[in-house]
N, C-alpha and C. Protein backbone atom coordinates (compact mmCIF):
# COMPACT_ATOMS: atom_id res chain seq x y z
N MET A 1 -96.22 -41.49 -148.64
CA MET A 1 -95.55 -41.28 -149.87
C MET A 1 -94.29 -42.23 -149.95
N ARG A 2 -94.04 -42.69 -151.17
CA ARG A 2 -92.77 -43.47 -151.45
C ARG A 2 -91.97 -43.12 -152.62
N ILE A 3 -90.97 -43.80 -152.86
CA ILE A 3 -90.22 -43.63 -154.01
C ILE A 3 -91.13 -43.99 -155.31
N PRO A 4 -91.10 -43.15 -156.36
CA PRO A 4 -90.36 -42.00 -156.72
C PRO A 4 -91.08 -40.70 -156.28
N GLU A 5 -92.21 -40.90 -155.66
CA GLU A 5 -92.83 -39.43 -155.22
C GLU A 5 -92.12 -38.78 -154.12
N ASN A 6 -91.43 -39.46 -153.33
CA ASN A 6 -90.67 -38.79 -152.29
C ASN A 6 -89.27 -39.36 -152.03
N TRP A 7 -88.31 -38.43 -152.04
CA TRP A 7 -86.97 -38.87 -151.60
C TRP A 7 -86.46 -37.79 -150.73
N GLY A 8 -86.41 -38.24 -149.52
CA GLY A 8 -85.71 -37.40 -148.48
C GLY A 8 -86.48 -36.34 -147.73
N ALA A 9 -87.91 -36.12 -148.16
CA ALA A 9 -88.59 -35.22 -147.42
C ALA A 9 -89.32 -35.76 -146.13
N THR A 10 -89.42 -35.14 -145.13
CA THR A 10 -90.11 -35.42 -143.90
C THR A 10 -91.69 -35.17 -143.93
N SER A 11 -92.36 -35.94 -143.12
CA SER A 11 -93.77 -35.85 -143.15
C SER A 11 -94.12 -34.27 -142.87
N GLN A 12 -93.40 -33.56 -142.10
CA GLN A 12 -93.72 -32.08 -142.02
C GLN A 12 -93.43 -31.27 -143.23
N GLU A 13 -92.48 -31.61 -143.97
CA GLU A 13 -92.20 -30.95 -145.29
C GLU A 13 -93.25 -31.41 -146.23
N ILE A 14 -93.69 -32.68 -146.34
CA ILE A 14 -94.67 -33.04 -147.24
C ILE A 14 -96.05 -32.39 -146.94
N ASN A 15 -96.35 -32.01 -145.57
CA ASN A 15 -97.74 -31.50 -145.30
C ASN A 15 -97.54 -30.05 -145.29
N GLY A 16 -96.44 -29.45 -145.55
CA GLY A 16 -96.20 -27.87 -145.62
C GLY A 16 -96.91 -27.24 -146.70
N THR A 17 -96.96 -25.96 -146.78
CA THR A 17 -97.61 -25.23 -147.90
C THR A 17 -96.27 -24.66 -148.64
N TYR A 18 -96.43 -24.68 -150.03
CA TYR A 18 -95.33 -24.14 -150.81
C TYR A 18 -95.93 -23.18 -151.89
N PRO A 19 -95.05 -22.26 -152.36
CA PRO A 19 -95.65 -21.33 -153.37
C PRO A 19 -96.14 -21.91 -154.59
N CYS A 20 -95.57 -23.04 -155.02
CA CYS A 20 -96.09 -23.66 -156.24
C CYS A 20 -97.43 -24.24 -156.06
N ASP A 21 -98.01 -24.30 -154.89
CA ASP A 21 -99.21 -24.85 -154.50
C ASP A 21 -100.30 -24.04 -155.41
N LYS A 22 -100.18 -22.84 -155.52
CA LYS A 22 -101.20 -21.95 -156.28
C LYS A 22 -100.97 -21.94 -157.82
N LEU A 23 -100.06 -22.73 -158.34
CA LEU A 23 -99.82 -22.71 -159.73
C LEU A 23 -100.59 -23.63 -160.56
N LEU A 24 -100.84 -24.67 -160.01
CA LEU A 24 -101.54 -25.86 -160.81
C LEU A 24 -102.77 -26.28 -159.86
N ASP A 25 -103.90 -26.15 -160.29
CA ASP A 25 -105.15 -26.46 -159.49
C ASP A 25 -105.25 -28.00 -159.24
N ARG A 26 -105.16 -28.70 -160.12
CA ARG A 26 -105.54 -30.11 -159.97
C ARG A 26 -104.29 -31.04 -160.54
N PRO A 27 -103.29 -31.09 -159.82
CA PRO A 27 -102.15 -31.81 -160.38
C PRO A 27 -102.61 -33.36 -160.34
N ALA A 28 -101.90 -34.07 -161.24
CA ALA A 28 -102.08 -35.52 -161.14
C ALA A 28 -101.30 -36.27 -160.14
N ASP A 29 -100.16 -35.49 -159.75
CA ASP A 29 -99.20 -36.00 -158.83
C ASP A 29 -98.51 -34.88 -158.10
N VAL A 30 -97.99 -35.21 -157.00
CA VAL A 30 -97.10 -34.25 -156.23
C VAL A 30 -95.82 -35.04 -155.77
N TRP A 31 -94.74 -34.53 -156.17
CA TRP A 31 -93.45 -35.15 -155.77
C TRP A 31 -92.63 -34.24 -154.88
N PHE A 32 -91.80 -34.92 -153.97
CA PHE A 32 -90.93 -34.18 -153.08
C PHE A 32 -89.53 -34.72 -153.22
N ARG A 33 -88.73 -33.92 -153.14
CA ARG A 33 -87.23 -34.20 -153.02
C ARG A 33 -86.53 -33.44 -152.00
N ALA A 34 -85.65 -33.85 -151.13
CA ALA A 34 -85.12 -33.02 -150.01
C ALA A 34 -83.87 -33.53 -149.59
N THR A 35 -82.95 -32.69 -148.96
CA THR A 35 -81.68 -33.00 -148.28
C THR A 35 -81.40 -32.01 -147.30
N THR A 36 -80.45 -32.50 -146.38
CA THR A 36 -79.97 -31.55 -145.45
C THR A 36 -78.63 -31.09 -146.16
N VAL A 37 -78.28 -29.68 -145.97
CA VAL A 37 -77.03 -29.27 -146.35
C VAL A 37 -76.40 -28.58 -145.27
N HIS A 38 -75.15 -28.87 -145.00
CA HIS A 38 -74.44 -28.33 -143.92
C HIS A 38 -73.88 -26.95 -144.21
N ALA A 39 -74.70 -25.98 -144.41
CA ALA A 39 -74.35 -24.56 -144.79
C ALA A 39 -75.51 -23.70 -144.50
N ALA A 40 -75.30 -22.51 -144.30
CA ALA A 40 -76.37 -21.57 -143.99
C ALA A 40 -77.34 -21.38 -145.20
N ALA A 41 -78.59 -21.03 -144.82
CA ALA A 41 -79.58 -20.89 -145.90
C ALA A 41 -79.18 -19.85 -147.00
N PRO A 42 -78.70 -18.76 -146.77
CA PRO A 42 -78.21 -17.78 -147.86
C PRO A 42 -77.24 -18.40 -148.74
N THR A 43 -76.42 -19.27 -148.23
CA THR A 43 -75.43 -19.96 -149.12
C THR A 43 -76.17 -21.00 -150.06
N VAL A 44 -77.05 -21.62 -149.43
CA VAL A 44 -77.76 -22.74 -150.26
C VAL A 44 -78.57 -22.00 -151.22
N TYR A 45 -79.31 -20.86 -150.88
CA TYR A 45 -80.05 -20.11 -151.77
C TYR A 45 -79.27 -19.60 -152.94
N ARG A 46 -78.12 -19.02 -152.62
CA ARG A 46 -77.17 -18.49 -153.65
C ARG A 46 -76.92 -19.50 -154.62
N TRP A 47 -76.61 -20.85 -154.31
CA TRP A 47 -76.29 -21.87 -155.20
C TRP A 47 -77.57 -22.13 -156.15
N LEU A 48 -78.77 -22.10 -155.48
CA LEU A 48 -80.01 -22.39 -156.26
C LEU A 48 -80.18 -21.32 -157.43
N CYS A 49 -79.62 -20.09 -157.22
CA CYS A 49 -79.83 -19.10 -158.20
C CYS A 49 -79.08 -19.46 -159.49
N GLN A 50 -78.02 -20.47 -159.23
CA GLN A 50 -77.14 -20.98 -160.41
C GLN A 50 -78.03 -21.66 -161.45
N LEU A 51 -79.28 -22.03 -160.93
CA LEU A 51 -80.19 -22.56 -162.01
C LEU A 51 -80.44 -21.76 -163.17
N LYS A 52 -80.25 -20.54 -163.02
CA LYS A 52 -80.26 -19.66 -164.31
C LYS A 52 -79.14 -20.01 -165.28
N ALA A 53 -78.06 -20.44 -164.75
CA ALA A 53 -76.77 -20.71 -165.58
C ALA A 53 -76.66 -22.10 -166.08
N ALA A 54 -77.20 -23.11 -165.25
CA ALA A 54 -77.10 -24.55 -165.65
C ALA A 54 -78.08 -25.33 -164.81
N PRO A 55 -78.21 -26.67 -165.24
CA PRO A 55 -79.24 -27.46 -164.46
C PRO A 55 -78.61 -28.28 -163.24
N TYR A 56 -77.20 -28.40 -163.29
CA TYR A 56 -76.56 -28.95 -162.15
C TYR A 56 -76.97 -30.43 -161.93
N SER A 57 -77.34 -31.29 -162.93
CA SER A 57 -77.70 -32.47 -162.71
C SER A 57 -76.66 -33.46 -163.56
N TYR A 58 -77.09 -34.20 -164.65
CA TYR A 58 -76.31 -34.88 -165.47
C TYR A 58 -76.06 -34.25 -166.70
N ASP A 59 -74.94 -33.33 -166.71
CA ASP A 59 -74.69 -32.32 -167.72
C ASP A 59 -74.72 -32.96 -169.33
N MET A 60 -74.25 -34.29 -169.34
CA MET A 60 -74.32 -34.92 -170.74
C MET A 60 -75.77 -34.93 -171.20
N LEU A 61 -76.74 -35.17 -170.35
CA LEU A 61 -78.08 -35.20 -170.65
C LEU A 61 -78.80 -33.87 -170.75
N ASP A 62 -78.61 -32.98 -169.72
CA ASP A 62 -79.44 -31.84 -169.78
C ASP A 62 -78.76 -30.60 -169.93
N ASN A 63 -77.59 -30.56 -170.27
CA ASN A 63 -76.79 -29.48 -170.39
C ASN A 63 -75.82 -29.36 -171.75
N PHE A 64 -76.28 -30.18 -172.62
CA PHE A 64 -75.52 -30.30 -173.93
C PHE A 64 -74.20 -30.53 -173.89
N GLY A 65 -73.72 -31.34 -172.61
CA GLY A 65 -72.30 -31.82 -172.63
C GLY A 65 -71.56 -30.81 -171.88
N ARG A 66 -72.13 -29.64 -171.48
CA ARG A 66 -71.29 -28.58 -170.89
C ARG A 66 -71.31 -28.82 -169.51
N ARG A 67 -70.15 -28.75 -168.67
CA ARG A 67 -70.25 -28.87 -167.29
C ARG A 67 -70.82 -27.67 -166.52
N SER A 68 -71.69 -27.92 -165.69
CA SER A 68 -72.44 -26.79 -164.78
C SER A 68 -71.23 -26.09 -164.02
N PRO A 69 -71.27 -24.78 -163.86
CA PRO A 69 -70.14 -24.17 -163.29
C PRO A 69 -70.02 -24.68 -161.71
N ARG A 70 -68.77 -24.75 -161.35
CA ARG A 70 -68.60 -25.04 -159.92
C ARG A 70 -68.14 -23.95 -159.16
N ARG A 71 -68.22 -22.81 -159.67
CA ARG A 71 -68.03 -21.49 -158.93
C ARG A 71 -69.20 -20.64 -159.19
N LEU A 72 -69.51 -19.78 -158.30
CA LEU A 72 -70.86 -18.93 -158.35
C LEU A 72 -70.58 -17.97 -159.48
N THR A 73 -71.52 -17.91 -160.33
CA THR A 73 -71.58 -16.97 -161.41
C THR A 73 -71.99 -15.47 -161.01
N PRO A 74 -71.03 -14.44 -161.14
CA PRO A 74 -71.46 -13.17 -160.74
C PRO A 74 -72.64 -12.76 -161.35
N GLY A 75 -73.48 -12.20 -160.60
CA GLY A 75 -74.77 -11.56 -161.17
C GLY A 75 -76.02 -12.42 -161.42
N VAL A 76 -75.68 -13.78 -161.32
CA VAL A 76 -76.84 -14.72 -161.64
C VAL A 76 -77.78 -14.67 -160.56
N ASP A 77 -77.62 -14.13 -159.37
CA ASP A 77 -78.45 -14.06 -158.31
C ASP A 77 -79.38 -12.78 -158.37
N SER A 78 -79.19 -11.98 -159.44
CA SER A 78 -80.03 -10.78 -159.64
C SER A 78 -81.20 -11.42 -160.34
N LEU A 79 -82.29 -11.78 -159.62
CA LEU A 79 -83.29 -12.49 -160.27
C LEU A 79 -84.51 -11.56 -160.56
N ALA A 80 -85.35 -11.84 -161.48
CA ALA A 80 -86.52 -11.21 -162.01
C ALA A 80 -87.66 -12.06 -162.39
N THR A 81 -88.87 -11.88 -162.05
CA THR A 81 -89.93 -12.74 -162.45
C THR A 81 -89.79 -12.89 -163.96
N GLY A 82 -90.08 -13.99 -164.45
CA GLY A 82 -89.90 -14.22 -165.98
C GLY A 82 -88.56 -14.63 -166.36
N ASP A 83 -87.60 -14.64 -165.61
CA ASP A 83 -86.30 -15.23 -166.06
C ASP A 83 -86.44 -16.59 -166.51
N THR A 84 -85.57 -16.97 -167.49
CA THR A 84 -85.46 -18.31 -167.82
C THR A 84 -84.53 -19.15 -166.98
N VAL A 85 -84.94 -20.32 -166.59
CA VAL A 85 -84.27 -21.10 -165.78
C VAL A 85 -84.24 -22.50 -166.20
N MET A 86 -83.03 -23.12 -166.28
CA MET A 86 -82.73 -24.48 -166.81
C MET A 86 -83.45 -24.54 -168.20
N THR A 87 -83.32 -23.58 -168.97
CA THR A 87 -83.84 -23.51 -170.33
C THR A 87 -85.30 -23.68 -170.68
N ILE A 88 -86.06 -24.49 -169.89
CA ILE A 88 -87.31 -24.75 -170.17
C ILE A 88 -88.38 -24.28 -168.97
N PHE A 89 -87.88 -23.65 -168.09
CA PHE A 89 -88.59 -23.10 -166.99
C PHE A 89 -88.72 -21.59 -167.01
N ARG A 90 -89.67 -21.02 -166.52
CA ARG A 90 -89.71 -19.47 -166.12
C ARG A 90 -89.73 -19.42 -164.69
N LEU A 91 -89.01 -18.39 -164.20
CA LEU A 91 -89.10 -17.98 -162.69
C LEU A 91 -90.53 -17.28 -162.48
N VAL A 92 -91.34 -17.78 -161.74
CA VAL A 92 -92.52 -17.33 -161.43
C VAL A 92 -92.65 -16.39 -160.21
N GLU A 93 -91.87 -16.90 -159.10
CA GLU A 93 -91.79 -16.25 -157.87
C GLU A 93 -90.68 -16.63 -157.20
N PHE A 94 -90.07 -15.66 -156.28
CA PHE A 94 -88.95 -15.88 -155.54
C PHE A 94 -88.82 -15.03 -154.36
N ALA A 95 -88.12 -15.48 -153.30
CA ALA A 95 -88.00 -14.64 -152.12
C ALA A 95 -86.56 -14.94 -151.69
N ARG A 96 -85.70 -13.92 -151.66
CA ARG A 96 -84.32 -14.06 -151.22
C ARG A 96 -84.04 -14.89 -150.09
N ASP A 97 -83.24 -15.80 -150.15
CA ASP A 97 -82.77 -16.70 -148.99
C ASP A 97 -83.96 -17.58 -148.55
N ASP A 98 -85.01 -17.79 -149.35
CA ASP A 98 -86.14 -18.54 -149.03
C ASP A 98 -86.54 -19.49 -150.12
N HIS A 99 -86.89 -19.16 -151.37
CA HIS A 99 -87.46 -19.98 -152.39
C HIS A 99 -87.23 -19.41 -153.79
N LEU A 100 -87.21 -20.41 -154.69
CA LEU A 100 -87.28 -20.09 -156.06
C LEU A 100 -88.49 -20.92 -156.59
N THR A 101 -89.53 -20.34 -157.31
CA THR A 101 -90.59 -21.11 -157.81
C THR A 101 -90.65 -21.01 -159.33
N LEU A 102 -90.81 -22.19 -159.90
CA LEU A 102 -90.59 -22.13 -161.38
C LEU A 102 -91.84 -22.86 -162.02
N LYS A 103 -92.00 -22.56 -163.17
CA LYS A 103 -93.14 -23.26 -164.11
C LYS A 103 -92.68 -23.51 -165.42
N LEU A 104 -92.87 -24.84 -165.80
CA LEU A 104 -92.48 -25.27 -167.21
C LEU A 104 -93.19 -24.28 -168.16
N HIS A 105 -92.40 -23.80 -169.23
CA HIS A 105 -93.04 -22.79 -170.03
C HIS A 105 -92.97 -23.14 -171.59
N THR A 106 -91.97 -24.00 -171.98
CA THR A 106 -91.93 -24.20 -173.45
C THR A 106 -93.02 -25.12 -173.95
N PRO A 107 -93.72 -24.84 -174.92
CA PRO A 107 -94.66 -25.69 -175.51
C PRO A 107 -94.22 -27.32 -175.70
N VAL A 108 -93.03 -27.37 -176.27
CA VAL A 108 -92.41 -28.56 -176.44
C VAL A 108 -92.19 -29.62 -175.16
N ALA A 109 -91.71 -28.85 -174.16
CA ALA A 109 -91.55 -29.46 -172.92
C ALA A 109 -92.83 -29.87 -172.21
N ILE A 110 -93.83 -29.03 -172.39
CA ILE A 110 -95.26 -29.17 -171.93
C ILE A 110 -95.85 -30.44 -172.47
N ARG A 111 -95.55 -30.60 -173.87
CA ARG A 111 -96.09 -31.72 -174.56
C ARG A 111 -95.38 -33.02 -174.07
N ILE A 112 -94.06 -32.86 -173.73
CA ILE A 112 -93.27 -34.05 -173.35
C ILE A 112 -93.68 -34.45 -171.91
N PHE A 113 -93.56 -33.52 -171.00
CA PHE A 113 -93.66 -33.70 -169.61
C PHE A 113 -94.97 -33.47 -169.03
N GLY A 114 -95.94 -32.63 -169.62
CA GLY A 114 -96.99 -32.19 -168.89
C GLY A 114 -96.67 -30.84 -168.23
N GLU A 115 -97.61 -30.27 -167.45
CA GLU A 115 -97.33 -29.08 -166.81
C GLU A 115 -96.59 -29.36 -165.51
N LEU A 116 -95.63 -28.65 -165.14
CA LEU A 116 -94.95 -28.70 -163.90
C LEU A 116 -94.83 -27.36 -163.31
N ALA A 117 -94.98 -27.35 -161.91
CA ALA A 117 -94.74 -26.25 -161.07
C ALA A 117 -93.92 -26.71 -160.00
N ILE A 118 -92.89 -25.91 -159.73
CA ILE A 118 -91.71 -26.32 -158.75
C ILE A 118 -91.40 -25.32 -157.88
N SER A 119 -91.32 -25.52 -156.46
CA SER A 119 -90.64 -24.58 -155.60
C SER A 119 -89.44 -25.36 -154.83
N TYR A 120 -88.35 -24.59 -155.03
CA TYR A 120 -87.17 -25.00 -154.25
C TYR A 120 -87.11 -24.12 -153.05
N VAL A 121 -87.29 -24.75 -151.98
CA VAL A 121 -87.35 -23.93 -150.46
C VAL A 121 -86.11 -24.36 -149.76
N VAL A 122 -85.67 -23.29 -149.21
CA VAL A 122 -84.47 -23.53 -148.21
C VAL A 122 -85.02 -23.04 -146.72
N ARG A 123 -84.62 -23.88 -145.91
CA ARG A 123 -85.08 -23.61 -144.41
C ARG A 123 -83.84 -24.03 -143.42
N GLU A 124 -83.32 -22.83 -142.89
CA GLU A 124 -82.30 -22.98 -141.74
C GLU A 124 -82.91 -23.75 -140.70
N VAL A 125 -82.37 -25.01 -140.38
CA VAL A 125 -82.90 -25.77 -139.15
C VAL A 125 -81.98 -25.74 -137.98
N ALA A 126 -80.79 -25.27 -138.21
CA ALA A 126 -79.78 -25.11 -137.07
C ALA A 126 -78.54 -24.30 -137.62
N ASP A 127 -77.62 -23.87 -136.73
CA ASP A 127 -76.60 -23.09 -137.09
C ASP A 127 -75.84 -23.75 -138.26
N HIS A 128 -75.85 -23.08 -139.55
CA HIS A 128 -75.10 -23.84 -140.64
C HIS A 128 -75.74 -25.12 -141.00
N GLN A 129 -77.04 -25.37 -140.96
CA GLN A 129 -77.58 -26.63 -141.18
C GLN A 129 -78.96 -26.19 -141.89
N THR A 130 -79.04 -26.40 -143.14
CA THR A 130 -80.36 -26.05 -144.01
C THR A 130 -81.04 -27.31 -144.63
N ARG A 131 -82.29 -27.25 -144.70
CA ARG A 131 -82.95 -28.19 -145.34
C ARG A 131 -83.32 -27.61 -146.74
N LEU A 132 -82.98 -28.21 -147.74
CA LEU A 132 -83.34 -28.01 -149.24
C LEU A 132 -84.41 -28.83 -149.63
N CYS A 133 -85.68 -28.30 -149.76
CA CYS A 133 -86.74 -29.13 -150.06
C CYS A 133 -87.52 -28.73 -151.40
N VAL A 134 -87.74 -29.50 -152.31
CA VAL A 134 -88.27 -29.26 -153.50
C VAL A 134 -89.76 -29.96 -153.68
N LYS A 135 -90.76 -29.27 -154.04
CA LYS A 135 -92.06 -29.77 -154.12
C LYS A 135 -92.36 -29.49 -155.60
N MET A 136 -92.94 -30.60 -156.35
CA MET A 136 -93.23 -30.45 -157.64
C MET A 136 -94.73 -30.87 -157.79
N ARG A 137 -95.56 -30.07 -158.56
CA ARG A 137 -96.87 -30.37 -158.88
C ARG A 137 -96.91 -30.65 -160.36
N VAL A 138 -97.45 -31.85 -160.68
CA VAL A 138 -97.30 -32.35 -162.10
C VAL A 138 -98.68 -32.78 -162.70
N THR A 139 -98.86 -32.46 -163.84
CA THR A 139 -100.11 -32.85 -164.72
C THR A 139 -99.64 -33.98 -165.62
N ASP A 140 -100.50 -34.79 -166.10
CA ASP A 140 -100.18 -35.80 -167.05
C ASP A 140 -99.85 -35.03 -168.47
N PRO A 141 -98.91 -35.60 -169.03
CA PRO A 141 -98.63 -35.14 -170.34
C PRO A 141 -99.77 -35.49 -171.27
N PRO A 142 -100.00 -34.58 -172.24
CA PRO A 142 -101.16 -34.70 -173.23
C PRO A 142 -101.02 -36.08 -173.86
N GLY A 143 -102.29 -36.55 -174.26
CA GLY A 143 -102.33 -37.82 -175.14
C GLY A 143 -102.79 -39.02 -174.29
N LEU A 144 -102.97 -39.93 -175.19
CA LEU A 144 -103.51 -41.28 -174.47
C LEU A 144 -102.58 -41.89 -173.54
N LEU A 145 -101.26 -41.78 -173.63
CA LEU A 145 -100.41 -42.25 -172.68
C LEU A 145 -99.91 -41.31 -171.71
N GLY A 146 -100.66 -40.40 -171.44
CA GLY A 146 -100.25 -39.28 -170.41
C GLY A 146 -99.80 -39.82 -169.06
N GLU A 147 -100.68 -40.75 -168.49
CA GLU A 147 -100.61 -41.31 -167.15
C GLU A 147 -99.35 -42.08 -167.15
N PRO A 148 -99.11 -43.23 -167.96
CA PRO A 148 -97.92 -43.91 -167.84
C PRO A 148 -96.54 -43.12 -168.07
N ARG A 149 -96.75 -42.09 -168.90
CA ARG A 149 -95.47 -41.21 -169.22
C ARG A 149 -95.15 -40.38 -167.92
N ARG A 150 -96.22 -39.97 -167.09
CA ARG A 150 -95.99 -39.26 -165.89
C ARG A 150 -95.33 -40.16 -164.90
N LYS A 151 -95.79 -41.26 -164.83
CA LYS A 151 -95.19 -42.27 -163.74
C LYS A 151 -93.69 -42.70 -164.25
N ALA A 152 -93.42 -42.66 -165.54
CA ALA A 152 -92.12 -42.91 -165.76
C ALA A 152 -91.18 -41.74 -165.67
N LEU A 153 -91.89 -40.51 -165.82
CA LEU A 153 -91.05 -39.33 -165.59
C LEU A 153 -90.74 -39.08 -164.09
N ALA A 154 -91.66 -39.65 -163.11
CA ALA A 154 -91.28 -39.67 -161.80
C ALA A 154 -89.96 -40.15 -161.45
N TRP A 155 -89.85 -41.51 -162.01
CA TRP A 155 -88.49 -42.17 -161.82
C TRP A 155 -87.36 -41.39 -162.40
N GLY A 156 -87.51 -40.86 -163.69
CA GLY A 156 -86.50 -40.18 -164.37
C GLY A 156 -86.04 -38.76 -163.57
N ASP A 157 -87.16 -38.15 -163.24
CA ASP A 157 -86.96 -36.88 -162.43
C ASP A 157 -86.17 -37.16 -161.14
N LEU A 158 -86.58 -38.24 -160.43
CA LEU A 158 -85.92 -38.63 -159.24
C LEU A 158 -84.42 -38.86 -159.35
N LEU A 159 -83.95 -39.51 -160.39
CA LEU A 159 -82.59 -39.60 -160.65
C LEU A 159 -81.96 -38.24 -160.98
N MET A 160 -82.58 -37.61 -161.93
CA MET A 160 -82.04 -36.21 -162.21
C MET A 160 -82.00 -35.30 -160.99
N MET A 161 -83.11 -35.17 -160.18
CA MET A 161 -83.13 -34.11 -158.97
C MET A 161 -82.14 -34.50 -158.05
N ARG A 162 -82.14 -35.85 -157.83
CA ARG A 162 -81.33 -36.38 -156.69
C ARG A 162 -79.85 -35.94 -157.00
N ARG A 163 -79.41 -36.05 -158.12
CA ARG A 163 -78.17 -35.65 -158.59
C ARG A 163 -77.99 -34.13 -158.50
N GLN A 164 -78.92 -33.41 -158.92
CA GLN A 164 -78.96 -31.98 -158.68
C GLN A 164 -78.70 -31.64 -157.28
N LEU A 165 -79.68 -32.11 -156.36
CA LEU A 165 -79.63 -31.73 -154.89
C LEU A 165 -78.16 -32.16 -154.31
N ARG A 166 -77.77 -33.29 -154.70
CA ARG A 166 -76.45 -33.75 -154.02
C ARG A 166 -75.36 -32.75 -154.64
N THR A 167 -75.46 -32.31 -155.83
CA THR A 167 -74.47 -31.40 -156.34
C THR A 167 -74.51 -29.96 -155.64
N PHE A 168 -75.74 -29.48 -155.39
CA PHE A 168 -75.86 -28.23 -154.66
C PHE A 168 -75.26 -28.49 -153.21
N LYS A 169 -75.69 -29.65 -152.63
CA LYS A 169 -75.24 -29.87 -151.17
C LYS A 169 -73.60 -29.83 -151.12
N GLU A 170 -73.04 -30.59 -152.16
CA GLU A 170 -71.46 -30.54 -152.22
C GLU A 170 -71.01 -29.05 -152.35
N LEU A 171 -71.63 -28.43 -153.36
CA LEU A 171 -71.06 -26.98 -153.63
C LEU A 171 -71.18 -26.06 -152.41
N ALA A 172 -72.45 -26.08 -151.84
CA ALA A 172 -72.75 -25.14 -150.74
C ALA A 172 -71.88 -25.49 -149.68
N GLU A 173 -71.79 -26.77 -149.32
CA GLU A 173 -70.89 -27.26 -148.01
C GLU A 173 -69.40 -26.81 -148.25
N ALA A 174 -68.92 -26.84 -149.51
CA ALA A 174 -67.54 -26.49 -149.75
C ALA A 174 -67.38 -24.79 -149.88
N SER A 175 -68.45 -24.18 -149.80
CA SER A 175 -68.36 -22.69 -150.05
C SER A 175 -67.88 -22.09 -148.65
């Protein structure tokens, strides 16, 4: 795999099994994004729960200009299946200190992006060192130009997710 399909994931992470694998049978593409965070897995996971509050990427583009919170929002880690995450996703499955798995749910977003299933996974690899790995299963957006739009989306997602993961890394390491 190469950019934009993979940013930072190891071959072991790419070959691993993820909860999102069971959500889309035949994806047109699979993307990975990963980084090492110098914080314990529960800290990284707690920051991931903040996705219920904001997207933590480029706030001018995907948060209506509002800054994503730089402090943990009380209660946002009380998760339930079906919760709205980043406005256009639903929380499908989660395991505390392990993963959040999301699926695109709004009809408008599915028409624009195609179907997406995402798992954000945290794995502590050493004392206060955690791998944050994201796997996305993606279908082509509907319509004649679905495949080219998916390929363009891979680059756009890479920029957005890279920013998001770097933000979580910074915030978790400062916690």
